[in-house]
């Protein structure tokens, strides 16, 4: 059974040029047997393409809130404890 997530979002209001519609299809399979350099290149290439589509189409507030949510989700991976509990000897 295939699951699909479909979203309809408001696009930015045009200031000057019209804002194009964006249709993002996340359906391609990952290539097999990528080495680490190829994997990094693929991730970077796709991240750039996705970010460029979003910045060009989303209202600024939506883009900003998305960036905050994405950073918040990943921030737990980078939390550093500023003090350590001392265990009695």
C-alpha atoms as a PDB file:
ATOM      1  CA  UNK A   1       0.000   0.000   0.000  1.00  0.00           C
ATOM      2  CA  UNK A   2       1.416   3.340  -1.050  1.00  0.00           C
ATOM      3  CA  UNK A   3       1.020   6.277   1.281  1.00  0.00           C
ATOM      4  CA  UNK A   4       0.962   9.779  -0.127  1.00  0.00           C
ATOM      5  CA  UNK A   5       1.221  13.125   1.607  1.00  0.00           C
ATOM      6  CA  UNK A   6      -0.417  15.865  -0.379  1.00  0.00           C
ATOM      7  CA  UNK A   7      -0.262  19.505   0.671  1.00  0.00           C
ATOM      8  CA  UNK A   8      -1.791  22.622  -0.780  1.00  0.00           C
ATOM      9  CA  UNK A   9      -0.036  25.707   0.532  1.00  0.00           C
ATOM     10  CA  UNK A  10      -0.455  29.418  -0.079  1.00  0.00           C
ATOM     11  CA  UNK A  11       2.240  30.923  -2.243  1.00  0.00           C
ATOM     12  CA  UNK A  12       3.833  34.301  -1.727  1.00  0.00           C
ATOM     13  CA  UNK A  13       2.107  37.431  -2.976  1.00  0.00           C
ATOM     14  CA  UNK A  14       3.878  38.859  -5.996  1.00  0.00           C
ATOM     15  CA  UNK A  15       5.946  42.002  -5.663  1.00  0.00           C
ATOM     16  CA  UNK A  16       6.834  42.823  -9.234  1.00  0.00           C
ATOM     17  CA  UNK A  17       7.204  39.497 -11.026  1.00  0.00           C
ATOM     18  CA  UNK A  18       4.571  36.789 -10.665  1.00  0.00           C
ATOM     19  CA  UNK A  19       5.298  33.988  -8.214  1.00  0.00           C
ATOM     20  CA  UNK A  20       5.431  30.661  -9.996  1.00  0.00           C
ATOM     21  CA  UNK A  21       3.638  27.593  -8.727  1.00  0.00           C
ATOM     22  CA  UNK A  22       5.771  24.825  -7.266  1.00  0.00           C
ATOM     23  CA  UNK A  23       5.004  21.132  -7.599  1.00  0.00           C
ATOM     24  CA  UNK A  24       7.424  19.038  -5.575  1.00  0.00           C
ATOM     25  CA  UNK A  25       7.348  15.306  -6.180  1.00  0.00           C
ATOM     26  CA  UNK A  26       9.328  13.204  -3.748  1.00  0.00           C
ATOM     27  CA  UNK A  27       9.039   9.873  -5.496  1.00  0.00           C
ATOM     28  CA  UNK A  28      12.462   8.936  -6.886  1.00  0.00           C
ATOM     29  CA  UNK A  29      14.306   5.990  -5.416  1.00  0.00           C
ATOM     30  CA  UNK A  30      17.768   6.547  -3.983  1.00  0.00           C
ATOM     31  CA  UNK A  31      20.531   5.239  -6.228  1.00  0.00           C
ATOM     32  CA  UNK A  32      22.202   2.032  -5.109  1.00  0.00           C
ATOM     33  CA  UNK A  33      25.779   1.847  -3.898  1.00  0.00           C
ATOM     34  CA  UNK A  34      26.754   5.480  -3.503  1.00  0.00           C
ATOM     35  CA  UNK A  35      30.135   6.149  -1.961  1.00  0.00           C
ATOM     36  CA  UNK A  36      30.314   8.828   0.744  1.00  0.00           C
ATOM     37  CA  UNK A  37      31.334  11.621  -1.665  1.00  0.00           C
ATOM     38  CA  UNK A  38      28.483  10.745  -4.031  1.00  0.00           C
ATOM     39  CA  UNK A  39      26.034  10.623  -1.121  1.00  0.00           C
ATOM     40  CA  UNK A  40      27.151  14.056   0.124  1.00  0.00           C
ATOM     41  CA  UNK A  41      26.880  15.465  -3.410  1.00  0.00           C
ATOM     42  CA  UNK A  42      23.375  14.018  -3.882  1.00  0.00           C
ATOM     43  CA  UNK A  43      22.190  15.401  -0.534  1.00  0.00           C
ATOM     44  CA  UNK A  44      23.631  18.842  -1.237  1.00  0.00           C
ATOM     45  CA  UNK A  45      22.233  18.959  -4.774  1.00  0.00           C
ATOM     46  CA  UNK A  46      18.732  17.977  -3.701  1.00  0.00           C
ATOM     47  CA  UNK A  47      18.776  20.259  -0.648  1.00  0.00           C
ATOM     48  CA  UNK A  48      19.718  23.228  -2.842  1.00  0.00           C
ATOM     49  CA  UNK A  49      16.968  22.450  -5.357  1.00  0.00           C
ATOM     50  CA  UNK A  50      14.331  22.091  -2.636  1.00  0.00           C
ATOM     51  CA  UNK A  51      15.399  25.213  -0.759  1.00  0.00           C
ATOM     52  CA  UNK A  52      15.451  27.303  -3.936  1.00  0.00           C
ATOM     53  CA  UNK A  53      11.929  26.183  -4.852  1.00  0.00           C
ATOM     54  CA  UNK A  54      10.660  26.982  -1.364  1.00  0.00           C
ATOM     55  CA  UNK A  55      12.321  30.410  -1.023  1.00  0.00           C
ATOM     56  CA  UNK A  56      10.983  31.462  -4.417  1.00  0.00           C
ATOM     57  CA  UNK A  57       7.398  30.364  -3.762  1.00  0.00           C
ATOM     58  CA  UNK A  58       6.533  30.461  -0.066  1.00  0.00           C
ATOM     59  CA  UNK A  59       5.503  33.584   1.808  1.00  0.00           C
ATOM     60  CA  UNK A  60       8.440  34.844   3.883  1.00  0.00           C
ATOM     61  CA  UNK A  61       6.754  34.084   7.206  1.00  0.00           C
ATOM     62  CA  UNK A  62       6.028  30.485   6.218  1.00  0.00           C
ATOM     63  CA  UNK A  63       9.623  30.017   5.017  1.00  0.00           C
ATOM     64  CA  UNK A  64      10.965  31.520   8.265  1.00  0.00           C
ATOM     65  CA  UNK A  65       8.776  29.318  10.462  1.00  0.00           C
ATOM     66  CA  UNK A  66       9.770  26.265   8.434  1.00  0.00           C
ATOM     67  CA  UNK A  67      13.458  27.071   8.921  1.00  0.00           C
ATOM     68  CA  UNK A  68      12.928  27.430  12.693  1.00  0.00           C
ATOM     69  CA  UNK A  69      11.022  24.134  12.890  1.00  0.00           C
ATOM     70  CA  UNK A  70      13.690  22.312  10.904  1.00  0.00           C
ATOM     71  CA  UNK A  71      16.493  23.692  13.084  1.00  0.00           C
ATOM     72  CA  UNK A  72      14.539  22.921  16.245  1.00  0.00           C
ATOM     73  CA  UNK A  73      14.040  19.331  15.129  1.00  0.00           C
ATOM     74  CA  UNK A  74      17.781  18.905  14.483  1.00  0.00           C
ATOM     75  CA  UNK A  75      18.989  20.953  17.478  1.00  0.00           C
ATOM     76  CA  UNK A  76      18.629  18.027  19.864  1.00  0.00           C
ATOM     77  CA  UNK A  77      21.455  16.332  17.983  1.00  0.00           C
ATOM     78  CA  UNK A  78      23.798  19.185  18.896  1.00  0.00           C
ATOM     79  CA  UNK A  79      22.860  19.944  22.502  1.00  0.00           C
ATOM     80  CA  UNK A  80      25.814  20.295  24.827  1.00  0.00           C
ATOM     81  CA  UNK A  81      25.522  19.899  28.546  1.00  0.00           C
ATOM     82  CA  UNK A  82      26.931  22.950  30.308  1.00  0.00           C
ATOM     83  CA  UNK A  83      27.411  21.229  33.635  1.00  0.00           C
ATOM     84  CA  UNK A  84      27.717  17.686  34.777  1.00  0.00           C
ATOM     85  CA  UNK A  85      26.149  16.156  37.863  1.00  0.00           C
ATOM     86  CA  UNK A  86      28.819  15.329  40.407  1.00  0.00           C
ATOM     87  CA  UNK A  87      28.644  11.802  41.772  1.00  0.00           C
ATOM     88  CA  UNK A  88      29.961  11.435  45.327  1.00  0.00           C
ATOM     89  CA  UNK A  89      33.066   9.252  45.573  1.00  0.00           C
END
